[in-house]
PDB file of all heavy atoms in Angstrom:
ATOM      1  N   VAL A   1     -62.105  18.905 -18.951  1.00  0.00           N
ATOM      2  CA  VAL A   1     -62.866  19.809 -19.818  1.00  0.00           C
ATOM      3  C   VAL A   1     -61.910  20.611 -20.695  1.00  0.00           C
ATOM      4  O   VAL A   1     -62.142  20.790 -21.897  1.00  0.00           O
ATOM      5  CB  VAL A   1     -63.771  20.742 -18.977  1.00  0.00           C
ATOM      6  CG1 VAL A   1     -64.367  21.846 -19.829  1.00  0.00           C
ATOM      7  CG2 VAL A   1     -64.872  19.941 -18.293  1.00  0.00           C
ATOM      8  N   SER A   2     -60.822  21.060 -20.124  1.00  0.00           N
ATOM      9  CA  SER A   2     -59.833  21.828 -20.873  1.00  0.00           C
ATOM     10  C   SER A   2     -59.186  20.988 -21.977  1.00  0.00           C
ATOM     11  O   SER A   2     -58.966  21.476 -23.088  1.00  0.00           O
ATOM     12  CB  SER A   2     -58.763  22.351 -19.916  1.00  0.00           C
ATOM     13  OG  SER A   2     -57.776  23.046 -20.622  1.00  0.00           O
ATOM     14  N   LEU A   3     -58.883  19.736 -21.674  1.00  0.00           N
ATOM     15  CA  LEU A   3     -58.293  18.856 -22.688  1.00  0.00           C
ATOM     16  C   LEU A   3     -59.248  18.641 -23.856  1.00  0.00           C
ATOM     17  O   LEU A   3     -58.842  18.705 -25.017  1.00  0.00           O
ATOM     18  CB  LEU A   3     -57.941  17.497 -22.071  1.00  0.00           C
ATOM     19  CG  LEU A   3     -56.693  17.449 -21.217  1.00  0.00           C
ATOM     20  CD1 LEU A   3     -56.585  16.097 -20.521  1.00  0.00           C
ATOM     21  CD2 LEU A   3     -55.470  17.704 -22.064  1.00  0.00           C
ATOM     22  N   ILE A   4     -60.505  18.400 -23.560  1.00  0.00           N
ATOM     23  CA  ILE A   4     -61.504  18.194 -24.611  1.00  0.00           C
ATOM     24  C   ILE A   4     -61.649  19.459 -25.453  1.00  0.00           C
ATOM     25  O   ILE A   4     -61.660  19.419 -26.681  1.00  0.00           O
ATOM     26  CB  ILE A   4     -62.854  17.755 -24.000  1.00  0.00           C
ATOM     27  CG1 ILE A   4     -62.708  16.363 -23.390  1.00  0.00           C
ATOM     28  CG2 ILE A   4     -63.965  17.792 -25.042  1.00  0.00           C
ATOM     29  CD1 ILE A   4     -63.859  15.956 -22.489  1.00  0.00           C
ATOM     30  N   ARG A   5     -61.737  20.610 -24.774  1.00  0.00           N
ATOM     31  CA  ARG A   5     -61.847  21.888 -25.478  1.00  0.00           C
ATOM     32  C   ARG A   5     -60.644  22.121 -26.378  1.00  0.00           C
ATOM     33  O   ARG A   5     -60.778  22.476 -27.558  1.00  0.00           O
ATOM     34  CB  ARG A   5     -61.955  23.027 -24.468  1.00  0.00           C
ATOM     35  CG  ARG A   5     -62.125  24.395 -25.125  1.00  0.00           C
ATOM     36  CD  ARG A   5     -61.495  25.511 -24.328  1.00  0.00           C
ATOM     37  NE  ARG A   5     -60.063  25.272 -24.214  1.00  0.00           N
ATOM     38  CZ  ARG A   5     -59.348  25.529 -23.142  1.00  0.00           C
ATOM     39  NH1 ARG A   5     -59.903  26.039 -22.068  1.00  0.00           N
ATOM     40  NH2 ARG A   5     -58.066  25.286 -23.115  1.00  0.00           N
ATOM     41  N   SER A   6     -59.463  21.914 -25.849  1.00  0.00           N
ATOM     42  CA  SER A   6     -58.235  22.139 -26.600  1.00  0.00           C
ATOM     43  C   SER A   6     -58.160  21.225 -27.814  1.00  0.00           C
ATOM     44  O   SER A   6     -57.808  21.655 -28.920  1.00  0.00           O
ATOM     45  CB  SER A   6     -57.033  21.916 -25.692  1.00  0.00           C
ATOM     46  OG  SER A   6     -55.840  22.146 -26.380  1.00  0.00           O
ATOM     47  N   TYR A   7     -58.488  19.959 -27.630  1.00  0.00           N
ATOM     48  CA  TYR A   7     -58.454  18.992 -28.730  1.00  0.00           C
ATOM     49  C   TYR A   7     -59.435  19.391 -29.829  1.00  0.00           C
ATOM     50  O   TYR A   7     -59.093  19.415 -31.012  1.00  0.00           O
ATOM     51  CB  TYR A   7     -58.773  17.587 -28.223  1.00  0.00           C
ATOM     52  CG  TYR A   7     -58.854  16.574 -29.332  1.00  0.00           C
ATOM     53  CD1 TYR A   7     -57.697  16.029 -29.876  1.00  0.00           C
ATOM     54  CD2 TYR A   7     -60.072  16.180 -29.853  1.00  0.00           C
ATOM     55  CE1 TYR A   7     -57.756  15.103 -30.904  1.00  0.00           C
ATOM     56  CE2 TYR A   7     -60.150  15.266 -30.880  1.00  0.00           C
ATOM     57  CZ  TYR A   7     -58.994  14.731 -31.409  1.00  0.00           C
ATOM     58  OH  TYR A   7     -59.066  13.831 -32.427  1.00  0.00           O
ATOM     59  N   CYS A   8     -60.667  19.740 -29.439  1.00  0.00           N
ATOM     60  CA  CYS A   8     -61.692  20.107 -30.422  1.00  0.00           C
ATOM     61  C   CYS A   8     -61.291  21.357 -31.199  1.00  0.00           C
ATOM     62  O   CYS A   8     -61.451  21.413 -32.419  1.00  0.00           O
ATOM     63  CB  CYS A   8     -63.043  20.313 -29.740  1.00  0.00           C
ATOM     64  SG  CYS A   8     -63.761  18.781 -29.121  1.00  0.00           S
ATOM     65  N   LEU A   9     -60.760  22.354 -30.502  1.00  0.00           N
ATOM     66  CA  LEU A   9     -60.325  23.562 -31.198  1.00  0.00           C
ATOM     67  C   LEU A   9     -59.155  23.290 -32.131  1.00  0.00           C
ATOM     68  O   LEU A   9     -59.100  23.800 -33.252  1.00  0.00           O
ATOM     69  CB  LEU A   9     -59.941  24.648 -30.191  1.00  0.00           C
ATOM     70  CG  LEU A   9     -61.107  25.374 -29.532  1.00  0.00           C
ATOM     71  CD1 LEU A   9     -60.614  26.310 -28.439  1.00  0.00           C
ATOM     72  CD2 LEU A   9     -61.917  26.138 -30.561  1.00  0.00           C
ATOM     73  N   ARG A  10     -58.219  22.465 -31.683  1.00  0.00           N
ATOM     74  CA  ARG A  10     -57.071  22.137 -32.539  1.00  0.00           C
ATOM     75  C   ARG A  10     -57.546  21.429 -33.803  1.00  0.00           C
ATOM     76  O   ARG A  10     -57.075  21.715 -34.901  1.00  0.00           O
ATOM     77  CB  ARG A  10     -56.071  21.261 -31.785  1.00  0.00           C
ATOM     78  CG  ARG A  10     -54.787  21.031 -32.561  1.00  0.00           C
ATOM     79  CD  ARG A  10     -53.753  20.365 -31.700  1.00  0.00           C
ATOM     80  NE  ARG A  10     -53.369  21.227 -30.605  1.00  0.00           N
ATOM     81  CZ  ARG A  10     -52.160  21.757 -30.469  1.00  0.00           C
ATOM     82  NH1 ARG A  10     -51.229  21.499 -31.349  1.00  0.00           N
ATOM     83  NH2 ARG A  10     -51.877  22.526 -29.456  1.00  0.00           N
ATOM     84  N   ARG A  11     -58.482  20.494 -33.658  1.00  0.00           N
ATOM     85  CA  ARG A  11     -59.001  19.779 -34.833  1.00  0.00           C
ATOM     86  C   ARG A  11     -59.778  20.728 -35.750  1.00  0.00           C
ATOM     87  O   ARG A  11     -59.688  20.634 -36.967  1.00  0.00           O
ATOM     88  CB  ARG A  11     -59.900  18.612 -34.421  1.00  0.00           C
ATOM     89  CG  ARG A  11     -59.227  17.518 -33.590  1.00  0.00           C
ATOM     90  CD  ARG A  11     -57.857  17.056 -34.043  1.00  0.00           C
ATOM     91  NE  ARG A  11     -57.768  16.764 -35.445  1.00  0.00           N
ATOM     92  CZ  ARG A  11     -56.645  16.822 -36.158  1.00  0.00           C
ATOM     93  NH1 ARG A  11     -55.513  17.136 -35.584  1.00  0.00           N
ATOM     94  NH2 ARG A  11     -56.650  16.554 -37.438  1.00  0.00           N
ATOM     95  N   LEU A  12     -60.545  21.659 -35.152  1.00  0.00           N
ATOM     96  CA  LEU A  12     -61.296  22.634 -35.947  1.00  0.00           C
ATOM     97  C   LEU A  12     -60.346  23.508 -36.757  1.00  0.00           C
ATOM     98  O   LEU A  12     -60.531  23.691 -37.960  1.00  0.00           O
ATOM     99  CB  LEU A  12     -62.157  23.509 -35.029  1.00  0.00           C
ATOM    100  CG  LEU A  12     -62.899  24.655 -35.710  1.00  0.00           C
ATOM    101  CD1 LEU A  12     -63.964  24.107 -36.655  1.00  0.00           C
ATOM    102  CD2 LEU A  12     -63.525  25.570 -34.673  1.00  0.00           C
ATOM    103  N   PHE A  13     -59.322  24.037 -36.109  1.00  0.00           N
ATOM    104  CA  PHE A  13     -58.369  24.876 -36.826  1.00  0.00           C
ATOM    105  C   PHE A  13     -57.603  24.076 -37.871  1.00  0.00           C
ATOM    106  O   PHE A  13     -57.291  24.594 -38.943  1.00  0.00           O
ATOM    107  CB  PHE A  13     -57.400  25.557 -35.845  1.00  0.00           C
ATOM    108  CG  PHE A  13     -57.973  26.796 -35.230  1.00  0.00           C
ATOM    109  CD1 PHE A  13     -58.729  26.713 -34.068  1.00  0.00           C
ATOM    110  CD2 PHE A  13     -57.770  28.034 -35.804  1.00  0.00           C
ATOM    111  CE1 PHE A  13     -59.269  27.847 -33.500  1.00  0.00           C
ATOM    112  CE2 PHE A  13     -58.312  29.182 -35.243  1.00  0.00           C
ATOM    113  CZ  PHE A  13     -59.062  29.087 -34.076  1.00  0.00           C
ATOM    114  N   GLU A  14     -57.298  22.838 -37.575  1.00  0.00           N
ATOM    115  CA  GLU A  14     -56.609  21.989 -38.552  1.00  0.00           C
ATOM    116  C   GLU A  14     -57.499  21.757 -39.766  1.00  0.00           C
ATOM    117  O   GLU A  14     -57.032  21.762 -40.900  1.00  0.00           O
ATOM    118  CB  GLU A  14     -56.205  20.663 -37.912  1.00  0.00           C
ATOM    119  CG  GLU A  14     -55.407  19.759 -38.809  1.00  0.00           C
ATOM    120  CD  GLU A  14     -54.046  20.317 -39.207  1.00  0.00           C
ATOM    121  OE1 GLU A  14     -53.473  21.144 -38.474  1.00  0.00           O
ATOM    122  OE2 GLU A  14     -53.544  19.921 -40.280  1.00  0.00           O
ATOM    123  N   ALA A  15     -58.791  21.572 -39.534  1.00  0.00           N
ATOM    124  CA  ALA A  15     -59.734  21.365 -40.641  1.00  0.00           C
ATOM    125  C   ALA A  15     -59.871  22.629 -41.486  1.00  0.00           C
ATOM    126  O   ALA A  15     -60.121  22.539 -42.693  1.00  0.00           O
ATOM    127  CB  ALA A  15     -61.096  20.943 -40.095  1.00  0.00           C
ATOM    128  N   CYS A  16     -59.716  23.783 -40.873  1.00  0.00           N
ATOM    129  CA  CYS A  16     -59.860  25.056 -41.593  1.00  0.00           C
ATOM    130  C   CYS A  16     -58.580  25.482 -42.301  1.00  0.00           C
ATOM    131  O   CYS A  16     -58.609  26.354 -43.160  1.00  0.00           O
ATOM    132  CB  CYS A  16     -60.273  26.161 -40.622  1.00  0.00           C
ATOM    133  SG  CYS A  16     -61.915  25.924 -39.939  1.00  0.00           S
ATOM    134  N   ARG A  17     -57.476  24.875 -41.945  1.00  0.00           N
ATOM    135  CA  ARG A  17     -56.182  25.238 -42.533  1.00  0.00           C
ATOM    136  C   ARG A  17     -56.105  24.746 -43.971  1.00  0.00           C
ATOM    137  O   ARG A  17     -56.492  23.614 -44.263  1.00  0.00           O
ATOM    138  CB  ARG A  17     -55.050  24.597 -41.717  1.00  0.00           C
ATOM    139  CG  ARG A  17     -53.666  25.005 -42.146  1.00  0.00           C
ATOM    140  CD  ARG A  17     -52.653  24.386 -41.212  1.00  0.00           C
ATOM    141  NE  ARG A  17     -52.653  22.951 -41.330  1.00  0.00           N
ATOM    142  CZ  ARG A  17     -51.672  22.235 -41.902  1.00  0.00           C
ATOM    143  NH1 ARG A  17     -50.611  22.835 -42.364  1.00  0.00           N
ATOM    144  NH2 ARG A  17     -51.743  20.939 -41.979  1.00  0.00           N
ATOM    145  N   PRO A  18     -55.608  25.588 -44.871  1.00  0.00           N
ATOM    146  CA  PRO A  18     -55.453  25.124 -46.263  1.00  0.00           C
ATOM    147  C   PRO A  18     -54.511  23.928 -46.322  1.00  0.00           C
ATOM    148  O   PRO A  18     -53.522  23.885 -45.598  1.00  0.00           O
ATOM    149  CB  PRO A  18     -54.833  26.323 -46.984  1.00  0.00           C
ATOM    150  CG  PRO A  18     -54.955  27.477 -46.061  1.00  0.00           C
ATOM    151  CD  PRO A  18     -55.161  26.948 -44.681  1.00  0.00           C
ATOM    152  N   ARG A  19     -54.843  22.979 -47.137  1.00  0.00           N
ATOM    153  CA  ARG A  19     -54.042  21.753 -47.230  1.00  0.00           C
ATOM    154  C   ARG A  19     -52.660  22.014 -47.819  1.00  0.00           C
ATOM    155  O   ARG A  19     -51.674  21.440 -47.417  1.00  0.00           O
ATOM    156  CB  ARG A  19     -54.766  20.695 -48.073  1.00  0.00           C
ATOM    157  CG  ARG A  19     -56.044  20.235 -47.428  1.00  0.00           C
ATOM    158  CD  ARG A  19     -55.712  19.463 -46.169  1.00  0.00           C
ATOM    159  NE  ARG A  19     -56.937  19.213 -45.429  1.00  0.00           N
ATOM    160  CZ  ARG A  19     -57.086  19.373 -44.137  1.00  0.00           C
ATOM    161  NH1 ARG A  19     -56.089  19.782 -43.408  1.00  0.00           N
ATOM    162  NH2 ARG A  19     -58.218  19.120 -43.541  1.00  0.00           N
ATOM    163  N   HIS A  20     -52.595  22.851 -48.834  1.00  0.00           N
ATOM    164  CA  HIS A  20     -51.310  23.151 -49.463  1.00  0.00           C
ATOM    165  C   HIS A  20     -51.118  24.652 -49.431  1.00  0.00           C
ATOM    166  O   HIS A  20     -51.792  25.385 -50.135  1.00  0.00           O
ATOM    167  CB  HIS A  20     -51.280  22.660 -50.913  1.00  0.00           C
ATOM    168  CG  HIS A  20     -51.492  21.182 -51.019  1.00  0.00           C
ATOM    169  ND1 HIS A  20     -50.539  20.279 -50.653  1.00  0.00           N
ATOM    170  CD2 HIS A  20     -52.565  20.453 -51.395  1.00  0.00           C
ATOM    171  CE1 HIS A  20     -51.007  19.060 -50.827  1.00  0.00           C
ATOM    172  NE2 HIS A  20     -52.239  19.141 -51.272  1.00  0.00           N
ATOM    173  N   ALA A  21     -50.210  25.087 -48.586  1.00  0.00           N
ATOM    174  CA  ALA A  21     -49.954  26.519 -48.456  1.00  0.00           C
ATOM    175  C   ALA A  21     -49.383  27.053 -49.758  1.00  0.00           C
ATOM    176  O   ALA A  21     -48.543  26.422 -50.388  1.00  0.00           O
ATOM    177  CB  ALA A  21     -49.001  26.776 -47.302  1.00  0.00           C
ATOM    178  N   ASN A  22     -49.862  28.206 -50.168  1.00  0.00           N
ATOM    179  CA  ASN A  22     -49.344  28.856 -51.358  1.00  0.00           C
ATOM    180  C   ASN A  22     -48.057  29.571 -50.972  1.00  0.00           C
ATOM    181  O   ASN A  22     -48.085  30.660 -50.426  1.00  0.00           O
ATOM    182  CB  ASN A  22     -50.390  29.836 -51.894  1.00  0.00           C
ATOM    183  CG  ASN A  22     -49.949  30.484 -53.186  1.00  0.00           C
ATOM    184  OD1 ASN A  22     -48.834  30.271 -53.655  1.00  0.00           O
ATOM    185  ND2 ASN A  22     -50.822  31.288 -53.755  1.00  0.00           N
ATOM    186  N   LEU A  23     -46.932  28.961 -51.258  1.00  0.00           N
ATOM    187  CA  LEU A  23     -45.644  29.498 -50.831  1.00  0.00           C
ATOM    188  C   LEU A  23     -45.315  30.809 -51.521  1.00  0.00           C
ATOM    189  O   LEU A  23     -44.495  31.574 -51.031  1.00  0.00           O
ATOM    190  CB  LEU A  23     -44.536  28.478 -51.053  1.00  0.00           C
ATOM    191  CG  LEU A  23     -44.640  27.214 -50.209  1.00  0.00           C
ATOM    192  CD1 LEU A  23     -43.494  26.269 -50.527  1.00  0.00           C
ATOM    193  CD2 LEU A  23     -44.656  27.534 -48.738  1.00  0.00           C
ATOM    194  N   SER A  24     -45.955  31.103 -52.659  1.00  0.00           N
ATOM    195  CA  SER A  24     -45.677  32.361 -53.339  1.00  0.00           C
ATOM    196  C   SER A  24     -46.187  33.545 -52.526  1.00  0.00           C
ATOM    197  O   SER A  24     -45.766  34.671 -52.737  1.00  0.00           O
ATOM    198  CB  SER A  24     -46.310  32.363 -54.735  1.00  0.00           C
ATOM    199  OG  SER A  24     -47.715  32.303 -54.621  1.00  0.00           O
ATOM    200  N   ARG A  25     -47.109  33.291 -51.600  1.00  0.00           N
ATOM    201  CA  ARG A  25     -47.622  34.367 -50.762  1.00  0.00           C
ATOM    202  C   ARG A  25     -46.687  34.679 -49.604  1.00  0.00           C
ATOM    203  O   ARG A  25     -46.830  35.698 -48.952  1.00  0.00           O
ATOM    204  CB  ARG A  25     -48.996  34.003 -50.201  1.00  0.00           C
ATOM    205  CG  ARG A  25     -50.054  33.934 -51.261  1.00  0.00           C
ATOM    206  CD  ARG A  25     -51.391  33.714 -50.636  1.00  0.00           C
ATOM    207  NE  ARG A  25     -51.364  32.494 -49.821  1.00  0.00           N
ATOM    208  CZ  ARG A  25     -52.361  32.101 -49.056  1.00  0.00           C
ATOM    209  NH1 ARG A  25     -53.441  32.819 -48.971  1.00  0.00           N
ATOM    210  NH2 ARG A  25     -52.276  30.995 -48.355  1.00  0.00           N
ATOM    211  N   CYS A  26     -45.740  33.800 -49.331  1.00  0.00           N
ATOM    212  CA  CYS A  26     -44.819  34.009 -48.219  1.00  0.00           C
ATOM    213  C   CYS A  26     -43.882  35.145 -48.544  1.00  0.00           C
ATOM    214  O   CYS A  26     -43.477  35.326 -49.688  1.00  0.00           O
ATOM    215  CB  CYS A  26     -44.015  32.741 -47.940  1.00  0.00           C
ATOM    216  SG  CYS A  26     -45.032  31.395 -47.342  1.00  0.00           S
ATOM    217  N   LYS A  27     -43.527  35.893 -47.521  1.00  0.00           N
ATOM    218  CA  LYS A  27     -42.646  37.040 -47.713  1.00  0.00           C
ATOM    219  C   LYS A  27     -41.248  36.720 -47.212  1.00  0.00           C
ATOM    220  O   LYS A  27     -41.059  35.964 -46.291  1.00  0.00           O
ATOM    221  CB  LYS A  27     -43.191  38.243 -46.972  1.00  0.00           C
ATOM    222  CG  LYS A  27     -44.519  38.682 -47.500  1.00  0.00           C
ATOM    223  CD  LYS A  27     -45.046  39.858 -46.712  1.00  0.00           C
ATOM    224  CE  LYS A  27     -46.393  40.252 -47.282  1.00  0.00           C
ATOM    225  NZ  LYS A  27     -47.130  41.139 -46.430  1.00  0.00           N
ATOM    226  N   THR A  28     -40.287  37.331 -47.827  1.00  0.00           N
ATOM    227  CA  THR A  28     -38.912  37.222 -47.386  1.00  0.00           C
ATOM    228  C   THR A  28     -38.637  38.407 -46.477  1.00  0.00           C
ATOM    229  O   THR A  28     -38.906  39.553 -46.841  1.00  0.00           O
ATOM    230  CB  THR A  28     -37.951  37.233 -48.581  1.00  0.00           C
ATOM    231  OG1 THR A  28     -38.285  36.146 -49.431  1.00  0.00           O
ATOM    232  CG2 THR A  28     -36.525  37.127 -48.124  1.00  0.00           C
TER     233      THR A  28
END
């Protein structure tokens, strides 16, 4: 159950992650 939960959450967060990070927003 934990493996299934972990996999589903990882895929959900991956789907929500922007495809191309705006590097200008990164701070030094």
